Amino acid sequence: MVITEAELAQLNTQLLWMALGLGVAFGAIAQRTQFCTMGAVADIVNTGDWSRMRMWLLAASVAVVGFNTMVALGWVKASDSVYGGRSVLWASHGLGGLLFGVGMVLASGCGSKTLVRVGGGSLKSLVVLLAMAITAYASMRGLLAVARVNTVDTLAISLPAGQDLPSLLAHATGIGQPAAAWAGVALGVAVVLALLLSPRGREADVLLAGFGLGAVVVLAWWVSGVWGQVAEHPVTLERSFVATPTRGMEALSFVAPTAYTMDWFILFSDSSKRLTMAVMVVLGVVLGSAAVSLATGRFRWEGFGGTEDTANHLVGGALMGLGGVTALGCTVGQGLSGLSTLSVGSFLAFGGILAGAWLGVRYLAWRVERML
């Protein structure tokens, strides 16, 4: 749609409030169900329990169904997001994911879990959040950014079409983008049904986290990509996506947005600093988690247990900041949001995250054994 500057300002405000609401919903559901990708990996490695991984798989599958349905209907395009480009930064995705995976284990949770734990009273996670935000900022614009751009980011593969699987399928077969997107929907539905066939997959927390968080990701895509899209920006006269830091279509992610939040907080009086949907989601997650933790009696102040505990969390936060920016996302950014587009890069990044998490869990187990 073509809008005036006054209408653009009004739309921007509406999008920011909606983003805050999505963040509150995510934080509330994650706190209520103890949703945690790091915890899911640790449960599998240590006890063989797949309960929390079922939550994650169900949420990812619901997001796949929702996003690809919107693509098939012509509402959104994967190419309008950071996940749909033709260039696959395979080294950045793999190495960044690995670093992030190790970091989230040392820090007792990924970016989203860190925000949820802050809402629950964890001062440890507040320190992790600061370490992650500072390192993420340096990885986007500082010394670490220069190193990243001149090394791993130079290693890429160029594909003949967008790197999302429906686009590649459409290019290879000529069946058309809508039909290819419906194939993505079918894949997501198949995984959802497979999970629901198991009685453990129909437990209340699994259903709430899976369908609830998956729906939040889909709504985020709709808010940003449909509601927030303008055909002609009144200033630039170009098609634009309002209230996003990248000016592109975005869903949820929790590494770079923590850096944006820190930047906005520190430089609030700078008129060039815009409040974006990413920042509002970050704030919303903390608020949603705090509300549920207070209502259920889970709110507890938590500090560090000692020097090694402090060091682990500081290093973990730094690794998540560097790894999340290098991989272009975290367990939610590349996991739920990225995988909902069926992006090749997202599969690589999330594979790296899982490998890093496994290494991190094994390292902590080794440390415990040495102390016995």
Protein backbone atom coordinates (compact mmCIF):
# COMPACT_ATOMS: atom_id res chain seq x y z
CA MET A 1 0.00 0.00 0.00
CA VAL A 2 1.05 3.62 -0.62
CA ILE A 3 0.89 5.69 2.57
CA THR A 4 1.71 9.17 3.83
CA GLU A 5 4.39 9.93 6.43
CA ALA A 6 1.71 10.38 9.10
CA GLU A 7 0.20 7.00 8.25
CA LEU A 8 3.69 5.48 8.26
CA ALA A 9 4.28 6.77 11.79
CA GLN A 10 0.95 5.34 12.92
CA LEU A 11 1.76 1.97 11.30
CA ASN A 12 5.17 1.97 12.95
CA THR A 13 3.57 2.45 16.37
CA GLN A 14 1.05 -0.34 15.74
CA LEU A 15 3.84 -2.74 14.71
CA LEU A 16 5.87 -1.94 17.81
CA TRP A 17 2.94 -2.69 20.13
CA MET A 18 2.21 -5.91 18.25
CA ALA A 19 5.87 -6.94 18.55
CA LEU A 20 5.75 -6.31 22.29
CA GLY A 21 2.68 -8.52 22.52
CA LEU A 22 4.39 -11.30 20.56
CA GLY A 23 7.39 -11.07 22.89
CA VAL A 24 5.15 -11.24 25.97
CA ALA A 25 3.42 -14.33 24.56
CA PHE A 26 6.73 -16.02 23.77
CA GLY A 27 8.17 -15.27 27.22
CA ALA A 28 5.03 -16.40 29.02
CA ILE A 29 4.77 -19.70 27.14
CA ALA A 30 8.50 -20.43 27.40
CA GLN A 31 8.44 -19.76 31.17
CA ARG A 32 5.30 -21.83 31.71
CA THR A 33 6.56 -24.87 29.76
CA GLN A 34 10.31 -24.56 30.55
CA PHE A 35 10.97 -24.47 26.79
CA CYS A 36 14.74 -24.61 26.22
CA THR A 37 16.74 -25.95 23.28
CA MET A 38 19.89 -26.35 25.37
CA GLY A 39 17.89 -28.19 28.02
CA ALA A 40 16.40 -30.42 25.33
CA VAL A 41 19.87 -31.46 24.12
CA ALA A 42 21.11 -31.96 27.69
CA ASP A 43 18.06 -34.09 28.53
CA ILE A 44 18.74 -36.35 25.56
CA VAL A 45 22.48 -36.69 26.21
CA ASN A 46 22.22 -37.15 29.99
CA THR A 47 18.96 -39.08 30.49
CA GLY A 48 17.57 -39.95 27.06
CA ASP A 49 14.47 -37.80 27.70
CA TRP A 50 13.03 -36.32 24.47
CA SER A 51 10.17 -34.34 26.07
CA ARG A 52 11.61 -30.87 25.54
CA MET A 53 12.96 -31.77 22.10
CA ARG A 54 9.41 -32.76 21.14
CA MET A 55 8.35 -29.22 22.12
CA TRP A 56 11.00 -27.76 19.86
CA LEU A 57 10.25 -30.07 16.92
CA LEU A 58 6.53 -29.38 17.17
CA ALA A 59 7.09 -25.61 17.33
CA ALA A 60 9.42 -25.73 14.31
CA SER A 61 6.98 -27.86 12.32
CA VAL A 62 4.04 -25.58 13.10
CA ALA A 63 6.17 -22.63 11.97
CA VAL A 64 7.03 -24.46 8.73
CA VAL A 65 3.34 -25.08 8.04
CA GLY A 66 2.35 -21.49 8.77
CA PHE A 67 5.13 -19.75 6.84
CA ASN A 68 4.87 -21.93 3.75
CA THR A 69 1.09 -21.58 3.71
CA MET A 70 1.57 -17.81 3.52
CA VAL A 71 4.11 -18.28 0.71
CA ALA A 72 1.71 -20.54 -1.21
CA LEU A 73 -1.05 -17.93 -0.84
CA GLY A 74 1.28 -15.22 -2.14
CA TRP A 75 1.33 -13.22 1.11
CA VAL A 76 5.09 -13.40 1.78
CA LYS A 77 8.30 -14.47 0.02
CA ALA A 78 11.31 -16.11 1.62
CA SER A 79 13.56 -13.93 -0.55
CA ASP A 80 12.37 -10.88 1.43
CA SER A 81 14.07 -12.29 4.55
CA VAL A 82 17.70 -12.83 5.46
CA TYR A 83 17.14 -16.58 5.06
CA GLY A 84 16.14 -16.65 1.39
CA GLY A 85 19.14 -15.28 -0.48
CA ARG A 86 21.02 -17.23 -3.12
CA SER A 87 24.37 -17.08 -1.33
CA VAL A 88 24.89 -19.76 1.34
CA LEU A 89 27.55 -18.74 3.88
CA TRP A 90 28.27 -22.35 4.75
CA ALA A 91 31.38 -21.67 6.87
CA SER A 92 29.73 -18.84 8.79
CA HIS A 93 26.63 -20.90 9.47
CA GLY A 94 28.57 -23.97 10.57
CA LEU A 95 31.23 -22.28 12.69
CA GLY A 96 28.86 -19.69 14.11
CA GLY A 97 26.35 -22.36 15.04
CA LEU A 98 29.07 -24.45 16.71
CA LEU A 99 30.28 -21.50 18.80
CA PHE A 100 26.73 -20.58 19.75
CA GLY A 101 25.93 -24.18 20.75
CA VAL A 102 28.92 -24.43 23.08
CA GLY A 103 28.16 -20.98 24.47
CA MET A 104 24.54 -21.69 25.29
CA VAL A 105 25.53 -24.72 27.36
CA LEU A 106 28.15 -22.77 29.32
CA ALA A 107 25.62 -19.96 29.82
CA SER A 108 22.81 -22.28 30.99
CA GLY A 109 20.57 -21.46 28.04
CA CYS A 110 20.34 -19.88 24.60
CA GLY A 111 19.44 -16.25 23.87
CA SER A 112 15.72 -16.70 24.35
CA LYS A 113 16.19 -18.79 27.50
CA THR A 114 18.53 -16.12 28.87
CA LEU A 115 15.78 -13.51 28.50
CA VAL A 116 13.24 -15.88 30.06
CA ARG A 117 15.57 -16.52 33.00
CA VAL A 118 16.13 -12.78 33.47
CA GLY A 119 12.36 -12.44 33.79
CA GLY A 120 12.43 -15.19 36.40
CA GLY A 121 14.94 -13.34 38.60
CA SER A 122 18.27 -14.75 37.41
CA LEU A 123 21.07 -12.22 37.90
CA LYS A 124 23.41 -14.75 36.31
CA SER A 125 21.42 -14.52 33.10
CA LEU A 126 21.45 -10.73 33.26
CA VAL A 127 25.27 -10.88 33.18
CA VAL A 128 25.08 -13.37 30.29
CA LEU A 129 22.71 -11.03 28.47
CA LEU A 130 25.15 -8.13 28.78
CA ALA A 131 28.10 -10.26 27.63
CA MET A 132 26.10 -11.56 24.68
CA ALA A 133 24.87 -8.09 23.67
CA ILE A 134 28.35 -6.50 23.82
CA THR A 135 29.98 -9.31 21.85
CA ALA A 136 27.13 -9.38 19.33
CA TYR A 137 27.54 -5.63 18.76
CA ALA A 138 31.28 -6.04 18.25
CA SER A 139 30.58 -8.92 15.86
CA MET A 140 28.21 -6.77 13.80
CA ARG A 141 30.11 -3.46 13.70
CA GLY A 142 33.38 -3.70 15.62
CA LEU A 143 36.71 -5.50 15.59
CA LEU A 144 35.09 -8.94 15.50
CA ALA A 145 32.99 -7.85 12.53
CA VAL A 146 36.11 -7.03 10.50
CA ALA A 147 37.58 -10.45 11.31
CA ARG A 148 34.32 -12.21 10.45
CA VAL A 149 33.79 -10.44 7.14
CA ASN A 150 37.38 -11.05 5.99
CA THR A 151 37.46 -14.75 6.93
CA VAL A 152 34.47 -17.08 7.17
CA ASP A 153 32.05 -14.77 5.36
CA THR A 154 34.21 -15.02 2.22
CA LEU A 155 33.41 -18.74 1.96
CA ALA A 156 30.06 -19.08 0.23
CA ILE A 157 28.17 -21.11 -2.35
CA SER A 158 25.94 -19.36 -4.87
CA LEU A 159 22.75 -21.22 -5.75
CA PRO A 160 20.66 -20.84 -8.92
CA ALA A 161 17.61 -19.82 -6.86
CA GLY A 162 16.77 -18.74 -3.34
CA GLN A 163 18.23 -21.10 -0.76
CA ASP A 164 14.86 -22.05 0.71
CA LEU A 165 13.93 -25.58 -0.35
CA PRO A 166 10.61 -24.62 -2.03
CA SER A 167 12.44 -22.11 -4.28
CA LEU A 168 15.08 -24.69 -5.15
CA LEU A 169 12.36 -27.27 -5.84
CA ALA A 170 10.48 -24.83 -8.05
CA HIS A 171 13.66 -24.02 -9.99
CA ALA A 172 14.61 -27.68 -10.44
CA THR A 173 11.19 -28.95 -11.49
CA GLY A 174 9.42 -25.91 -12.93
CA ILE A 175 6.31 -26.63 -10.87
CA GLY A 176 5.90 -23.05 -9.69
CA GLN A 177 6.47 -21.40 -6.34
CA PRO A 178 2.97 -21.94 -4.86
CA ALA A 179 3.04 -25.68 -5.56
CA ALA A 180 6.55 -25.96 -4.15
CA ALA A 181 5.45 -24.09 -1.02
CA TRP A 182 2.51 -26.48 -0.58
CA ALA A 183 5.09 -29.29 -0.61
CA GLY A 184 6.76 -27.50 2.31
CA VAL A 185 3.40 -27.34 4.08
CA ALA A 186 2.94 -31.08 3.55
CA LEU A 187 6.36 -31.77 5.05
CA GLY A 188 5.52 -29.72 8.12
CA VAL A 189 2.12 -31.37 8.55
CA ALA A 190 3.71 -34.82 8.28
CA VAL A 191 6.14 -34.04 11.12
CA VAL A 192 3.34 -32.57 13.27
CA LEU A 193 1.21 -35.69 12.80
CA ALA A 194 4.16 -37.99 13.53
CA LEU A 195 4.78 -36.16 16.81
CA LEU A 196 1.11 -36.25 17.80
CA LEU A 197 0.90 -40.00 17.23
CA SER A 198 3.01 -40.52 20.35
CA PRO A 199 1.23 -40.11 23.70
CA ARG A 200 4.28 -38.16 24.94
CA GLY A 201 3.80 -35.80 22.01
CA ARG A 202 0.29 -34.97 23.24
CA GLU A 203 1.29 -33.90 26.75
CA ALA A 204 -0.09 -30.50 27.77
CA ASP A 205 3.25 -28.68 27.95
CA VAL A 206 4.41 -30.13 24.63
CA LEU A 207 1.21 -28.99 22.92
CA LEU A 208 1.30 -25.54 24.52
CA ALA A 209 4.95 -24.92 23.67
CA GLY A 210 4.75 -26.51 20.23
CA PHE A 211 1.59 -24.91 18.92
CA GLY A 212 1.92 -21.73 21.00
CA LEU A 213 5.50 -20.81 20.13
CA GLY A 214 5.12 -22.02 16.54
CA ALA A 215 2.10 -19.75 16.17
CA VAL A 216 4.03 -16.80 17.65
CA VAL A 217 6.72 -17.23 14.98
CA VAL A 218 4.10 -17.41 12.22
CA LEU A 219 2.35 -14.30 13.58
CA ALA A 220 5.68 -12.49 13.67
CA TRP A 221 6.18 -13.28 9.97
CA TRP A 222 2.66 -12.03 9.20
CA VAL A 223 3.02 -8.84 11.24
CA SER A 224 6.36 -7.99 9.65
CA GLY A 225 5.84 -9.34 6.13
CA VAL A 226 2.17 -8.58 5.50
CA TRP A 227 0.98 -5.89 7.90
CA GLY A 228 4.34 -4.13 7.98
CA GLN A 229 4.98 -4.11 4.23
CA VAL A 230 4.45 -0.89 2.28
CA ALA A 231 4.56 -0.81 -1.50
CA GLU A 232 6.07 2.66 -1.62
CA HIS A 233 7.84 4.23 1.33
CA PRO A 234 6.92 7.94 1.45
CA VAL A 235 10.59 8.94 1.83
CA THR A 236 12.54 6.38 -0.23
CA LEU A 237 9.70 5.60 -2.68
CA GLU A 238 10.70 1.93 -2.50
CA ARG A 239 8.95 -1.18 -1.23
CA SER A 240 9.82 -1.45 2.43
CA PHE A 241 9.16 -3.35 5.64
CA VAL A 242 8.41 -1.01 8.52
CA ALA A 243 9.95 -1.07 12.02
CA THR A 244 12.61 -3.73 11.35
CA PRO A 245 16.33 -3.00 11.87
CA THR A 246 17.28 -4.63 8.55
CA ARG A 247 14.39 -3.01 6.59
CA GLY A 248 13.54 -6.55 5.48
CA MET A 249 10.88 -9.01 6.60
CA GLU A 250 11.77 -10.51 10.00
CA ALA A 251 10.39 -12.94 12.56
CA LEU A 252 11.98 -13.71 15.96
CA SER A 253 15.66 -13.84 16.85
CA PHE A 254 17.50 -13.12 20.10
CA VAL A 255 21.19 -12.33 19.54
CA ALA A 256 21.47 -9.26 17.31
CA PRO A 257 18.25 -7.87 18.86
CA THR A 258 19.91 -7.84 22.31
CA ALA A 259 22.67 -5.67 20.79
CA TYR A 260 20.02 -3.41 19.22
CA THR A 261 18.35 -3.14 22.63
CA MET A 262 21.60 -2.19 24.34
CA ASP A 263 22.34 0.34 21.59
CA TRP A 264 18.88 1.91 21.90
CA PHE A 265 19.14 2.06 25.70
CA ILE A 266 22.61 3.66 25.74
CA LEU A 267 22.00 6.11 22.86
CA PHE A 268 18.33 6.83 23.56
CA SER A 269 18.71 10.59 23.08
CA ASP A 270 20.22 10.11 19.60
CA SER A 271 17.32 10.82 17.24
CA SER A 272 18.82 8.52 14.61
CA LYS A 273 18.27 5.49 16.86
CA ARG A 274 14.93 3.91 16.02
CA LEU A 275 12.88 1.70 18.29
CA THR A 276 12.30 -1.47 16.28
CA MET A 277 10.17 -4.60 16.48
CA ALA A 278 13.28 -6.60 17.42
CA VAL A 279 13.85 -4.47 20.52
CA MET A 280 10.19 -4.66 21.53
CA VAL A 281 10.21 -8.46 21.25
CA VAL A 282 13.25 -8.63 23.56
CA LEU A 283 11.53 -6.45 26.15
CA GLY A 284 8.31 -8.41 25.76
CA VAL A 285 9.96 -11.77 26.44
CA VAL A 286 11.33 -10.51 29.77
CA LEU A 287 7.95 -9.04 30.73
CA GLY A 288 6.02 -12.18 29.75
CA SER A 289 8.39 -14.44 31.64
CA ALA A 290 8.31 -12.19 34.72
CA ALA A 291 4.51 -12.16 34.75
CA VAL A 292 4.23 -15.95 34.65
CA SER A 293 7.06 -16.55 37.12
CA LEU A 294 5.50 -14.15 39.63
CA ALA A 295 2.00 -15.58 39.13
CA THR A 296 3.16 -19.18 39.59
CA GLY A 297 5.59 -18.55 42.43
CA ARG A 298 8.63 -19.44 40.30
CA PHE A 299 10.34 -16.06 40.64
CA ARG A 300 13.64 -16.54 42.45
CA TRP A 301 16.70 -14.32 42.72
CA GLU A 302 19.70 -16.28 41.50
CA GLY A 303 23.41 -15.45 41.67
CA PHE A 304 26.66 -17.14 40.70
CA GLY A 305 27.89 -20.18 42.57
CA GLY A 306 31.58 -19.37 42.36
CA THR A 307 34.47 -18.29 40.17
CA GLU A 308 34.18 -21.12 37.64
CA ASP A 309 30.42 -20.62 37.39
CA THR A 310 30.97 -16.92 36.69
CA ALA A 311 33.68 -17.63 34.09
CA ASN A 312 31.53 -20.22 32.31
CA HIS A 313 28.61 -17.84 32.00
CA LEU A 314 30.74 -14.92 30.81
CA VAL A 315 32.47 -17.07 28.19
CA GLY A 316 29.15 -18.62 27.22
CA GLY A 317 27.51 -15.24 26.71
CA ALA A 318 30.46 -14.04 24.60
CA LEU A 319 30.39 -17.18 22.45
CA MET A 320 26.66 -16.77 21.88
CA GLY A 321 27.13 -13.15 20.82
CA LEU A 322 29.90 -14.00 18.35
CA GLY A 323 28.37 -17.27 17.19
CA GLY A 324 24.84 -15.95 16.82
CA VAL A 325 25.91 -13.03 14.62
CA THR A 326 28.27 -15.22 12.57
CA ALA A 327 25.58 -17.86 12.03
CA LEU A 328 22.95 -15.16 11.33
CA GLY A 329 20.76 -16.40 14.15
CA CYS A 330 20.30 -18.46 17.30
CA THR A 331 18.13 -21.45 18.25
CA VAL A 332 15.09 -19.28 17.54
CA GLY A 333 16.52 -17.03 14.81
CA GLN A 334 17.97 -19.83 12.71
CA GLY A 335 16.05 -22.60 14.44
CA LEU A 336 12.36 -21.69 14.55
CA SER A 337 12.31 -18.61 12.28
CA GLY A 338 14.96 -19.73 9.79
CA LEU A 339 13.85 -23.35 9.54
CA SER A 340 10.25 -22.22 9.01
CA THR A 341 11.45 -21.00 5.58
CA LEU A 342 13.20 -24.35 4.99
CA SER A 343 16.44 -22.46 4.30
CA VAL A 344 19.58 -24.46 3.54
CA GLY A 345 21.63 -22.03 5.62
CA SER A 346 19.30 -22.49 8.58
CA PHE A 347 19.72 -26.26 8.46
CA LEU A 348 23.51 -25.80 8.45
CA ALA A 349 23.42 -23.28 11.30
CA PHE A 350 21.10 -25.34 13.45
CA GLY A 351 23.17 -28.46 12.81
CA GLY A 352 26.19 -26.54 14.06
CA ILE A 353 24.25 -25.42 17.13
CA LEU A 354 23.27 -28.99 17.99
CA ALA A 355 26.87 -30.18 17.52
CA GLY A 356 28.16 -27.37 19.72
CA ALA A 357 25.56 -28.10 22.39
CA TRP A 358 26.57 -31.76 22.44
CA LEU A 359 30.23 -30.76 22.87
CA GLY A 360 29.30 -28.34 25.62
CA VAL A 361 27.28 -30.91 27.54
CA ARG A 362 30.09 -33.45 27.25
CA TYR A 363 32.61 -30.85 28.47
CA LEU A 364 30.57 -30.01 31.56
CA ALA A 365 30.14 -33.72 32.30
CA TRP A 366 33.90 -34.15 32.03
CA ARG A 367 34.44 -31.25 34.44
CA VAL A 368 32.08 -32.82 36.96
CA GLU A 369 33.86 -36.19 36.70
CA ARG A 370 37.25 -34.53 37.32
CA MET A 371 35.91 -32.87 40.46
CA LEU A 372 34.65 -36.12 41.97
